[in-house]
Amino acid sequence: MTVPDDAAEPRTVANPEPLPEELMTPHPRRLPPDTPGYEEILKLHETAVRRGSGRYRDPLSGLWAMTAVHLWERNYCCYSDCRHCPWVERP
């Protein structure tokens, strides 16, 4: 489980409000609970958030995935189907 050290990564925060806890779990349309490695993905995400990192390496694809906190702080949805997008409407 590797999470980059983003301490030097400059970040602009457009949304100063804290991310509501219920938005930390990806919407099922973005990451269905039956996805292989689902628990590992959630753990990597949680670790990245706890460390203050805006991203983590996806164990399925090897690509970087942005955290919900990082996406929340941007204050908008870019419509790129980000896994942890907090702007997806929820029931």
PDB file of N, CA and C in Angstrom:
ATOM      1  N   MET A   1       0.846  -1.167   0.000  1.00  0.00           N
ATOM      2  CA  MET A   1       0.000   0.000   0.000  1.00  0.00           C
ATOM      3  C   MET A   1       0.893   1.232   0.000  1.00  0.00           C
ATOM      4  N   THR A   2       0.945   1.963  -1.121  1.00  0.00           N
ATOM      5  CA  THR A   2       1.791   3.135  -1.189  1.00  0.00           C
ATOM      6  C   THR A   2       0.957   4.379  -1.395  1.00  0.00           C
ATOM      7  N   VAL A   3       1.303   5.394  -0.669  1.00  0.00           N
ATOM      8  CA  VAL A   3       0.652   6.691  -0.771  1.00  0.00           C
ATOM      9  C   VAL A   3       1.770   7.702  -0.947  1.00  0.00           C
ATOM     10  N   PRO A   4       1.685   8.590  -1.955  1.00  0.00           N
ATOM     11  CA  PRO A   4       2.774   9.536  -2.178  1.00  0.00           C
ATOM     12  C   PRO A   4       2.864  10.560  -1.061  1.00  0.00           C
ATOM     13  N   ASP A   5       4.040  11.095  -0.905  1.00  0.00           N
ATOM     14  CA  ASP A   5       4.233  12.177   0.053  1.00  0.00           C
ATOM     15  C   ASP A   5       3.969  13.477  -0.695  1.00  0.00           C
ATOM     16  N   ASP A   6       2.796  14.048  -0.501  1.00  0.00           N
ATOM     17  CA  ASP A   6       2.394  15.262  -1.218  1.00  0.00           C
ATOM     18  C   ASP A   6       2.663  16.519  -0.410  1.00  0.00           C
ATOM     19  N   ALA A   7       3.536  16.442   0.571  1.00  0.00           N
ATOM     20  CA  ALA A   7       3.779  17.599   1.435  1.00  0.00           C
ATOM     21  C   ALA A   7       4.181  18.825   0.633  1.00  0.00           C
ATOM     22  N   ALA A   8       4.909  18.621  -0.461  1.00  0.00           N
ATOM     23  CA  ALA A   8       5.386  19.755  -1.252  1.00  0.00           C
ATOM     24  C   ALA A   8       4.416  20.146  -2.362  1.00  0.00           C
ATOM     25  N   GLU A   9       3.338  19.392  -2.513  1.00  0.00           N
ATOM     26  CA  GLU A   9       2.374  19.666  -3.570  1.00  0.00           C
ATOM     27  C   GLU A   9       1.583  20.924  -3.249  1.00  0.00           C
ATOM     28  N   PRO A  10       1.722  21.981  -4.078  1.00  0.00           N
ATOM     29  CA  PRO A  10       0.941  23.201  -3.795  1.00  0.00           C
ATOM     30  C   PRO A  10      -0.535  22.952  -4.081  1.00  0.00           C
ATOM     31  N   ARG A  11      -1.393  23.371  -3.167  1.00  0.00           N
ATOM     32  CA  ARG A  11      -2.818  23.165  -3.335  1.00  0.00           C
ATOM     33  C   ARG A  11      -3.567  24.444  -3.004  1.00  0.00           C
ATOM     34  N   THR A  12      -4.491  24.785  -3.876  1.00  0.00           N
ATOM     35  CA  THR A  12      -5.354  25.925  -3.648  1.00  0.00           C
ATOM     36  C   THR A  12      -6.701  25.392  -3.176  1.00  0.00           C
ATOM     37  N   VAL A  13      -7.176  25.900  -2.067  1.00  0.00           N
ATOM     38  CA  VAL A  13      -8.449  25.446  -1.522  1.00  0.00           C
ATOM     39  C   VAL A  13      -9.519  26.476  -1.853  1.00  0.00           C
ATOM     40  N   ALA A  14     -10.458  26.062  -2.709  1.00  0.00           N
ATOM     41  CA  ALA A  14     -11.545  26.950  -3.092  1.00  0.00           C
ATOM     42  C   ALA A  14     -12.751  26.793  -2.174  1.00  0.00           C
ATOM     43  N   ASN A  15     -12.867  25.634  -1.539  1.00  0.00           N
ATOM     44  CA  ASN A  15     -13.991  25.363  -0.648  1.00  0.00           C
ATOM     45  C   ASN A  15     -13.449  25.165   0.765  1.00  0.00           C
ATOM     46  N   PRO A  16     -13.570  26.168   1.624  1.00  0.00           N
ATOM     47  CA  PRO A  16     -13.003  26.047   2.969  1.00  0.00           C
ATOM     48  C   PRO A  16     -13.827  25.195   3.939  1.00  0.00           C
ATOM     49  N   GLU A  17     -15.050  24.815   3.537  1.00  0.00           N
ATOM     50  CA  GLU A  17     -15.890  23.998   4.410  1.00  0.00           C
ATOM     51  C   GLU A  17     -15.330  22.575   4.478  1.00  0.00           C
ATOM     52  N   PRO A  18     -15.372  21.943   5.644  1.00  0.00           N
ATOM     53  CA  PRO A  18     -14.899  20.555   5.732  1.00  0.00           C
ATOM     54  C   PRO A  18     -15.834  19.597   4.987  1.00  0.00           C
ATOM     55  N   LEU A  19     -15.263  18.553   4.438  1.00  0.00           N
ATOM     56  CA  LEU A  19     -16.040  17.547   3.725  1.00  0.00           C
ATOM     57  C   LEU A  19     -16.923  16.783   4.704  1.00  0.00           C
ATOM     58  N   PRO A  20     -18.233  16.714   4.451  1.00  0.00           N
ATOM     59  CA  PRO A  20     -19.103  15.916   5.317  1.00  0.00           C
ATOM     60  C   PRO A  20     -18.674  14.442   5.303  1.00  0.00           C
ATOM     61  N   GLU A  21     -18.665  13.827   6.449  1.00  0.00           N
ATOM     62  CA  GLU A  21     -18.190  12.450   6.603  1.00  0.00           C
ATOM     63  C   GLU A  21     -18.887  11.469   5.659  1.00  0.00           C
ATOM     64  N   GLU A  22     -20.186  11.665   5.419  1.00  0.00           N
ATOM     65  CA  GLU A  22     -20.921  10.729   4.565  1.00  0.00           C
ATOM     66  C   GLU A  22     -20.457  10.758   3.108  1.00  0.00           C
ATOM     67  N   LEU A  23     -19.679  11.759   2.723  1.00  0.00           N
ATOM     68  CA  LEU A  23     -19.176  11.840   1.351  1.00  0.00           C
ATOM     69  C   LEU A  23     -17.794  11.200   1.188  1.00  0.00           C
ATOM     70  N   MET A  24     -17.264  10.637   2.262  1.00  0.00           N
ATOM     71  CA  MET A  24     -15.961   9.981   2.186  1.00  0.00           C
ATOM     72  C   MET A  24     -16.056   8.637   1.463  1.00  0.00           C
ATOM     73  N   THR A  25     -17.199   7.994   1.493  1.00  0.00           N
ATOM     74  CA  THR A  25     -17.381   6.722   0.798  1.00  0.00           C
ATOM     75  C   THR A  25     -17.839   7.016  -0.625  1.00  0.00           C
ATOM     76  N   PRO A  26     -17.192   6.417  -1.620  1.00  0.00           N
ATOM     77  CA  PRO A  26     -17.579   6.687  -3.010  1.00  0.00           C
ATOM     78  C   PRO A  26     -19.030   6.296  -3.302  1.00  0.00           C
ATOM     79  N   HIS A  27     -19.652   7.047  -4.173  1.00  0.00           N
ATOM     80  CA  HIS A  27     -21.003   6.720  -4.625  1.00  0.00           C
ATOM     81  C   HIS A  27     -20.934   5.353  -5.318  1.00  0.00           C
ATOM     82  N   PRO A  28     -21.924   4.481  -5.092  1.00  0.00           N
ATOM     83  CA  PRO A  28     -21.895   3.149  -5.701  1.00  0.00           C
ATOM     84  C   PRO A  28     -21.819   3.145  -7.226  1.00  0.00           C
ATOM     85  N   ARG A  29     -22.271   4.223  -7.865  1.00  0.00           N
ATOM     86  CA  ARG A  29     -22.142   4.293  -9.325  1.00  0.00           C
ATOM     87  C   ARG A  29     -20.683   4.503  -9.732  1.00  0.00           C
ATOM     88  N   ARG A  30     -19.902   5.092  -8.842  1.00  0.00           N
ATOM     89  CA  ARG A  30     -18.489   5.358  -9.144  1.00  0.00           C
ATOM     90  C   ARG A  30     -17.574   4.228  -8.692  1.00  0.00           C
ATOM     91  N   LEU A  31     -17.939   3.568  -7.604  1.00  0.00           N
ATOM     92  CA  LEU A  31     -17.171   2.426  -7.109  1.00  0.00           C
ATOM     93  C   LEU A  31     -18.149   1.449  -6.458  1.00  0.00           C
ATOM     94  N   PRO A  32     -18.663   0.512  -7.241  1.00  0.00           N
ATOM     95  CA  PRO A  32     -19.601  -0.459  -6.680  1.00  0.00           C
ATOM     96  C   PRO A  32     -18.937  -1.285  -5.576  1.00  0.00           C
ATOM     97  N   PRO A  33     -19.654  -1.571  -4.508  1.00  0.00           N
ATOM     98  CA  PRO A  33     -19.091  -2.352  -3.407  1.00  0.00           C
ATOM     99  C   PRO A  33     -18.583  -3.741  -3.799  1.00  0.00           C
ATOM    100  N   ASP A  34     -19.050  -4.276  -4.929  1.00  0.00           N
ATOM    101  CA  ASP A  34     -18.566  -5.594  -5.357  1.00  0.00           C
ATOM    102  C   ASP A  34     -17.327  -5.511  -6.251  1.00  0.00           C
ATOM    103  N   THR A  35     -16.750  -4.326  -6.374  1.00  0.00           N
ATOM    104  CA  THR A  35     -15.509  -4.143  -7.144  1.00  0.00           C
ATOM    105  C   THR A  35     -14.389  -4.944  -6.486  1.00  0.00           C
ATOM    106  N   PRO A  36     -13.627  -5.721  -7.259  1.00  0.00           N
ATOM    107  CA  PRO A  36     -12.481  -6.418  -6.675  1.00  0.00           C
ATOM    108  C   PRO A  36     -11.539  -5.415  -6.003  1.00  0.00           C
ATOM    109  N   GLY A  37     -11.128  -5.695  -4.785  1.00  0.00           N
ATOM    110  CA  GLY A  37     -10.217  -4.798  -4.080  1.00  0.00           C
ATOM    111  C   GLY A  37     -10.900  -3.607  -3.431  1.00  0.00           C
ATOM    112  N   TYR A  38     -12.239  -3.651  -3.334  1.00  0.00           N
ATOM    113  CA  TYR A  38     -13.006  -2.523  -2.780  1.00  0.00           C
ATOM    114  C   TYR A  38     -12.476  -2.087  -1.417  1.00  0.00           C
ATOM    115  N   GLU A  39     -12.289  -3.017  -0.514  1.00  0.00           N
ATOM    116  CA  GLU A  39     -11.817  -2.676   0.844  1.00  0.00           C
ATOM    117  C   GLU A  39     -10.411  -2.082   0.811  1.00  0.00           C
ATOM    118  N   GLU A  40      -9.544  -2.609  -0.050  1.00  0.00           N
ATOM    119  CA  GLU A  40      -8.192  -2.067  -0.172  1.00  0.00           C
ATOM    120  C   GLU A  40      -8.230  -0.633  -0.699  1.00  0.00           C
ATOM    121  N   ILE A  41      -9.105  -0.375  -1.658  1.00  0.00           N
ATOM    122  CA  ILE A  41      -9.253   0.973  -2.218  1.00  0.00           C
ATOM    123  C   ILE A  41      -9.702   1.944  -1.123  1.00  0.00           C
ATOM    124  N   LEU A  42     -10.702   1.547  -0.337  1.00  0.00           N
ATOM    125  CA  LEU A  42     -11.181   2.412   0.745  1.00  0.00           C
ATOM    126  C   LEU A  42     -10.072   2.675   1.760  1.00  0.00           C
ATOM    127  N   LYS A  43      -9.271   1.666   2.051  1.00  0.00           N
ATOM    128  CA  LYS A  43      -8.168   1.815   3.009  1.00  0.00           C
ATOM    129  C   LYS A  43      -7.097   2.757   2.462  1.00  0.00           C
ATOM    130  N   LEU A  44      -6.757   2.617   1.183  1.00  0.00           N
ATOM    131  CA  LEU A  44      -5.779   3.517   0.561  1.00  0.00           C
ATOM    132  C   LEU A  44      -6.284   4.958   0.579  1.00  0.00           C
ATOM    133  N   HIS A  45      -7.565   5.129   0.272  1.00  0.00           N
ATOM    134  CA  HIS A  45      -8.174   6.455   0.280  1.00  0.00           C
ATOM    135  C   HIS A  45      -8.114   7.057   1.682  1.00  0.00           C
ATOM    136  N   GLU A  46      -8.526   6.278   2.668  1.00  0.00           N
ATOM    137  CA  GLU A  46      -8.526   6.743   4.055  1.00  0.00           C
ATOM    138  C   GLU A  46      -7.111   7.123   4.504  1.00  0.00           C
ATOM    139  N   THR A  47      -6.126   6.314   4.148  1.00  0.00           N
ATOM    140  CA  THR A  47      -4.740   6.595   4.516  1.00  0.00           C
ATOM    141  C   THR A  47      -4.260   7.885   3.869  1.00  0.00           C
ATOM    142  N   ALA A  48      -4.575   8.074   2.595  1.00  0.00           N
ATOM    143  CA  ALA A  48      -4.170   9.291   1.895  1.00  0.00           C
ATOM    144  C   ALA A  48      -4.799  10.523   2.542  1.00  0.00           C
ATOM    145  N   VAL A  49      -6.080  10.439   2.861  1.00  0.00           N
ATOM    146  CA  VAL A  49      -6.781  11.564   3.501  1.00  0.00           C
ATOM    147  C   VAL A  49      -6.159  11.871   4.857  1.00  0.00           C
ATOM    148  N   ARG A  50      -5.920  10.835   5.637  1.00  0.00           N
ATOM    149  CA  ARG A  50      -5.336  11.017   6.968  1.00  0.00           C
ATOM    150  C   ARG A  50      -3.953  11.680   6.885  1.00  0.00           C
ATOM    151  N   ARG A  51      -3.194  11.351   5.862  1.00  0.00           N
ATOM    152  CA  ARG A  51      -1.857  11.924   5.679  1.00  0.00           C
ATOM    153  C   ARG A  51      -1.901  13.325   5.061  1.00  0.00           C
ATOM    154  N   GLY A  52      -3.070  13.754   4.620  1.00  0.00           N
ATOM    155  CA  GLY A  52      -3.188  15.068   3.992  1.00  0.00           C
ATOM    156  C   GLY A  52      -2.813  15.052   2.524  1.00  0.00           C
ATOM    157  N   SER A  53      -2.760  13.866   1.944  1.00  0.00           N
ATOM    158  CA  SER A  53      -2.419  13.726   0.531  1.00  0.00           C
ATOM    159  C   SER A  53      -3.689  13.878  -0.309  1.00  0.00           C
ATOM    160  N   GLY A  54      -3.561  14.445  -1.472  1.00  0.00           N
ATOM    161  CA  GLY A  54      -4.701  14.634  -2.354  1.00  0.00           C
ATOM    162  C   GLY A  54      -4.925  13.484  -3.310  1.00  0.00           C
ATOM    163  N   ARG A  55      -4.086  12.440  -3.210  1.00  0.00           N
ATOM    164  CA  ARG A  55      -4.214  11.336  -4.157  1.00  0.00           C
ATOM    165  C   ARG A  55      -3.592  10.070  -3.588  1.00  0.00           C
ATOM    166  N   TYR A  56      -3.874   8.961  -4.263  1.00  0.00           N
ATOM    167  CA  TYR A  56      -3.279   7.675  -3.927  1.00  0.00           C
ATOM    168  C   TYR A  56      -3.205   6.855  -5.206  1.00  0.00           C
ATOM    169  N   ARG A  57      -2.367   5.844  -5.206  1.00  0.00           N
ATOM    170  CA  ARG A  57      -2.206   4.984  -6.380  1.00  0.00           C
ATOM    171  C   ARG A  57      -3.290   3.909  -6.364  1.00  0.00           C
ATOM    172  N   ASP A  58      -4.098   3.862  -7.429  1.00  0.00           N
ATOM    173  CA  ASP A  58      -5.166   2.878  -7.546  1.00  0.00           C
ATOM    174  C   ASP A  58      -4.560   1.491  -7.732  1.00  0.00           C
ATOM    175  N   PRO A  59      -4.916   0.541  -6.854  1.00  0.00           N
ATOM    176  CA  PRO A  59      -4.331  -0.794  -6.965  1.00  0.00           C
ATOM    177  C   PRO A  59      -4.819  -1.576  -8.189  1.00  0.00           C
ATOM    178  N   LEU A  60      -5.930  -1.171  -8.780  1.00  0.00           N
ATOM    179  CA  LEU A  60      -6.456  -1.880  -9.946  1.00  0.00           C
ATOM    180  C   LEU A  60      -5.798  -1.435 -11.241  1.00  0.00           C
ATOM    181  N   SER A  61      -5.637  -0.132 -11.402  1.00  0.00           N
ATOM    182  CA  SER A  61      -5.116   0.400 -12.668  1.00  0.00           C
ATOM    183  C   SER A  61      -3.679   0.899 -12.577  1.00  0.00           C
ATOM    184  N   GLY A  62      -3.222   1.201 -11.363  1.00  0.00           N
ATOM    185  CA  GLY A  62      -1.894   1.789 -11.212  1.00  0.00           C
ATOM    186  C   GLY A  62      -1.890   3.291 -11.424  1.00  0.00           C
ATOM    187  N   LEU A  63      -3.041   3.864 -11.743  1.00  0.00           N
ATOM    188  CA  LEU A  63      -3.146   5.311 -11.962  1.00  0.00           C
ATOM    189  C   LEU A  63      -3.386   6.024 -10.639  1.00  0.00           C
ATOM    190  N   TRP A  64      -3.175   7.324 -10.633  1.00  0.00           N
ATOM    191  CA  TRP A  64      -3.461   8.122  -9.446  1.00  0.00           C
ATOM    192  C   TRP A  64      -4.959   8.364  -9.356  1.00  0.00           C
ATOM    193  N   ALA A  65      -5.496   8.283  -8.163  1.00  0.00           N
ATOM    194  CA  ALA A  65      -6.899   8.607  -7.900  1.00  0.00           C
ATOM    195  C   ALA A  65      -6.920   9.757  -6.907  1.00  0.00           C
ATOM    196  N   MET A  66      -7.711  10.775  -7.189  1.00  0.00           N
ATOM    197  CA  MET A  66      -7.819  11.916  -6.278  1.00  0.00           C
ATOM    198  C   MET A  66      -8.753  11.566  -5.133  1.00  0.00           C
ATOM    199  N   THR A  67      -8.440  12.095  -3.960  1.00  0.00           N
ATOM    200  CA  THR A  67      -9.273  11.825  -2.787  1.00  0.00           C
ATOM    201  C   THR A  67     -10.519  12.708  -2.804  1.00  0.00           C
ATOM    202  N   ALA A  68     -11.520  12.292  -2.046  1.00  0.00           N
ATOM    203  CA  ALA A  68     -12.751  13.065  -1.923  1.00  0.00           C
ATOM    204  C   ALA A  68     -12.466  14.445  -1.336  1.00  0.00           C
ATOM    205  N   VAL A  69     -11.532  14.508  -0.394  1.00  0.00           N
ATOM    206  CA  VAL A  69     -11.198  15.797   0.221  1.00  0.00           C
ATOM    207  C   VAL A  69     -10.601  16.731  -0.822  1.00  0.00           C
ATOM    208  N   HIS A  70      -9.687  16.217  -1.635  1.00  0.00           N
ATOM    209  CA  HIS A  70      -9.074  17.035  -2.686  1.00  0.00           C
ATOM    210  C   HIS A  70     -10.144  17.553  -3.656  1.00  0.00           C
ATOM    211  N   LEU A  71     -11.042  16.672  -4.074  1.00  0.00           N
ATOM    212  CA  LEU A  71     -12.098  17.068  -5.005  1.00  0.00           C
ATOM    213  C   LEU A  71     -13.078  18.047  -4.365  1.00  0.00           C
ATOM    214  N   TRP A  72     -13.366  17.865  -3.095  1.00  0.00           N
ATOM    215  CA  TRP A  72     -14.254  18.772  -2.355  1.00  0.00           C
ATOM    216  C   TRP A  72     -13.645  20.171  -2.283  1.00  0.00           C
ATOM    217  N   GLU A  73     -12.354  20.214  -1.999  1.00  0.00           N
ATOM    218  CA  GLU A  73     -11.678  21.500  -1.865  1.00  0.00           C
ATOM    219  C   GLU A  73     -11.630  22.274  -3.174  1.00  0.00           C
ATOM    220  N   ARG A  74     -11.709  21.573  -4.303  1.00  0.00           N
ATOM    221  CA  ARG A  74     -11.754  22.253  -5.607  1.00  0.00           C
ATOM    222  C   ARG A  74     -13.064  23.004  -5.788  1.00  0.00           C
ATOM    223  N   ASN A  75     -14.119  22.523  -5.120  1.00  0.00           N
ATOM    224  CA  ASN A  75     -15.419  23.185  -5.090  1.00  0.00           C
ATOM    225  C   ASN A  75     -16.222  23.091  -6.392  1.00  0.00           C
ATOM    226  N   TYR A  76     -15.940  22.085  -7.210  1.00  0.00           N
ATOM    227  CA  TYR A  76     -16.752  21.880  -8.406  1.00  0.00           C
ATOM    228  C   TYR A  76     -16.530  20.461  -8.930  1.00  0.00           C
ATOM    229  N   CYS A  77     -17.473  19.993  -9.730  1.00  0.00           N
ATOM    230  CA  CYS A  77     -17.346  18.702 -10.398  1.00  0.00           C
ATOM    231  C   CYS A  77     -16.844  18.954 -11.813  1.00  0.00           C
ATOM    232  N   CYS A  78     -15.853  18.186 -12.234  1.00  0.00           N
ATOM    233  CA  CYS A  78     -15.283  18.361 -13.580  1.00  0.00           C
ATOM    234  C   CYS A  78     -15.922  17.405 -14.584  1.00  0.00           C
ATOM    235  N   TYR A  79     -16.859  16.568 -14.146  1.00  0.00           N
ATOM    236  CA  TYR A  79     -17.579  15.621 -14.994  1.00  0.00           C
ATOM    237  C   TYR A  79     -16.647  14.613 -15.668  1.00  0.00           C
ATOM    238  N   SER A  80     -15.596  14.214 -14.949  1.00  0.00           N
ATOM    239  CA  SER A  80     -14.670  13.203 -15.454  1.00  0.00           C
ATOM    240  C   SER A  80     -14.907  11.838 -14.808  1.00  0.00           C
ATOM    241  N   ASP A  81     -16.015  11.698 -14.089  1.00  0.00           N
ATOM    242  CA  ASP A  81     -16.368  10.444 -13.412  1.00  0.00           C
ATOM    243  C   ASP A  81     -15.322  10.023 -12.382  1.00  0.00           C
ATOM    244  N   CYS A  82     -14.791  10.992 -11.640  1.00  0.00           N
ATOM    245  CA  CYS A  82     -13.803  10.684 -10.603  1.00  0.00           C
ATOM    246  C   CYS A  82     -14.419   9.726  -9.577  1.00  0.00           C
ATOM    247  N   ARG A  83     -13.654   8.760  -9.173  1.00  0.00           N
ATOM    248  CA  ARG A  83     -14.117   7.718  -8.249  1.00  0.00           C
ATOM    249  C   ARG A  83     -14.658   8.292  -6.947  1.00  0.00           C
ATOM    250  N   HIS A  84     -13.983   9.268  -6.386  1.00  0.00           N
ATOM    251  CA  HIS A  84     -14.359   9.794  -5.068  1.00  0.00           C
ATOM    252  C   HIS A  84     -15.071  11.150  -5.149  1.00  0.00           C
ATOM    253  N   CYS A  85     -15.639  11.478  -6.299  1.00  0.00           N
ATOM    254  CA  CYS A  85     -16.296  12.774  -6.464  1.00  0.00           C
ATOM    255  C   CYS A  85     -17.387  12.986  -5.419  1.00  0.00           C
ATOM    256  N   PRO A  86     -17.226  14.017  -4.586  1.00  0.00           N
ATOM    257  CA  PRO A  86     -18.255  14.285  -3.575  1.00  0.00           C
ATOM    258  C   PRO A  86     -19.457  15.049  -4.145  1.00  0.00           C
ATOM    259  N   TRP A  87     -19.392  15.433  -5.406  1.00  0.00           N
ATOM    260  CA  TRP A  87     -20.450  16.251  -6.003  1.00  0.00           C
ATOM    261  C   TRP A  87     -21.520  15.397  -6.685  1.00  0.00           C
ATOM    262  N   VAL A  88     -21.355  14.076  -6.714  1.00  0.00           N
ATOM    263  CA  VAL A  88     -22.361  13.189  -7.292  1.00  0.00           C
ATOM    264  C   VAL A  88     -23.596  13.237  -6.406  1.00  0.00           C
ATOM    265  N   GLU A  89     -24.766  13.425  -7.027  1.00  0.00           N
ATOM    266  CA  GLU A  89     -25.998  13.466  -6.233  1.00  0.00           C
ATOM    267  C   GLU A  89     -26.225  12.129  -5.574  1.00  0.00           C
ATOM    268  N   ARG A  90     -26.630  12.192  -4.321  1.00  0.00           N
ATOM    269  CA  ARG A  90     -26.879  10.977  -3.536  1.00  0.00           C
ATOM    270  C   ARG A  90     -28.321  10.962  -3.089  1.00  0.00           C
ATOM    271  N   PRO A  91     -28.874   9.744  -2.939  1.00  0.00           N
ATOM    272  CA  PRO A  91     -30.275   9.652  -2.526  1.00  0.00           C
ATOM    273  C   PRO A  91     -30.478  10.172  -1.114  1.00  0.00           C
TER     274      PRO A  91
END
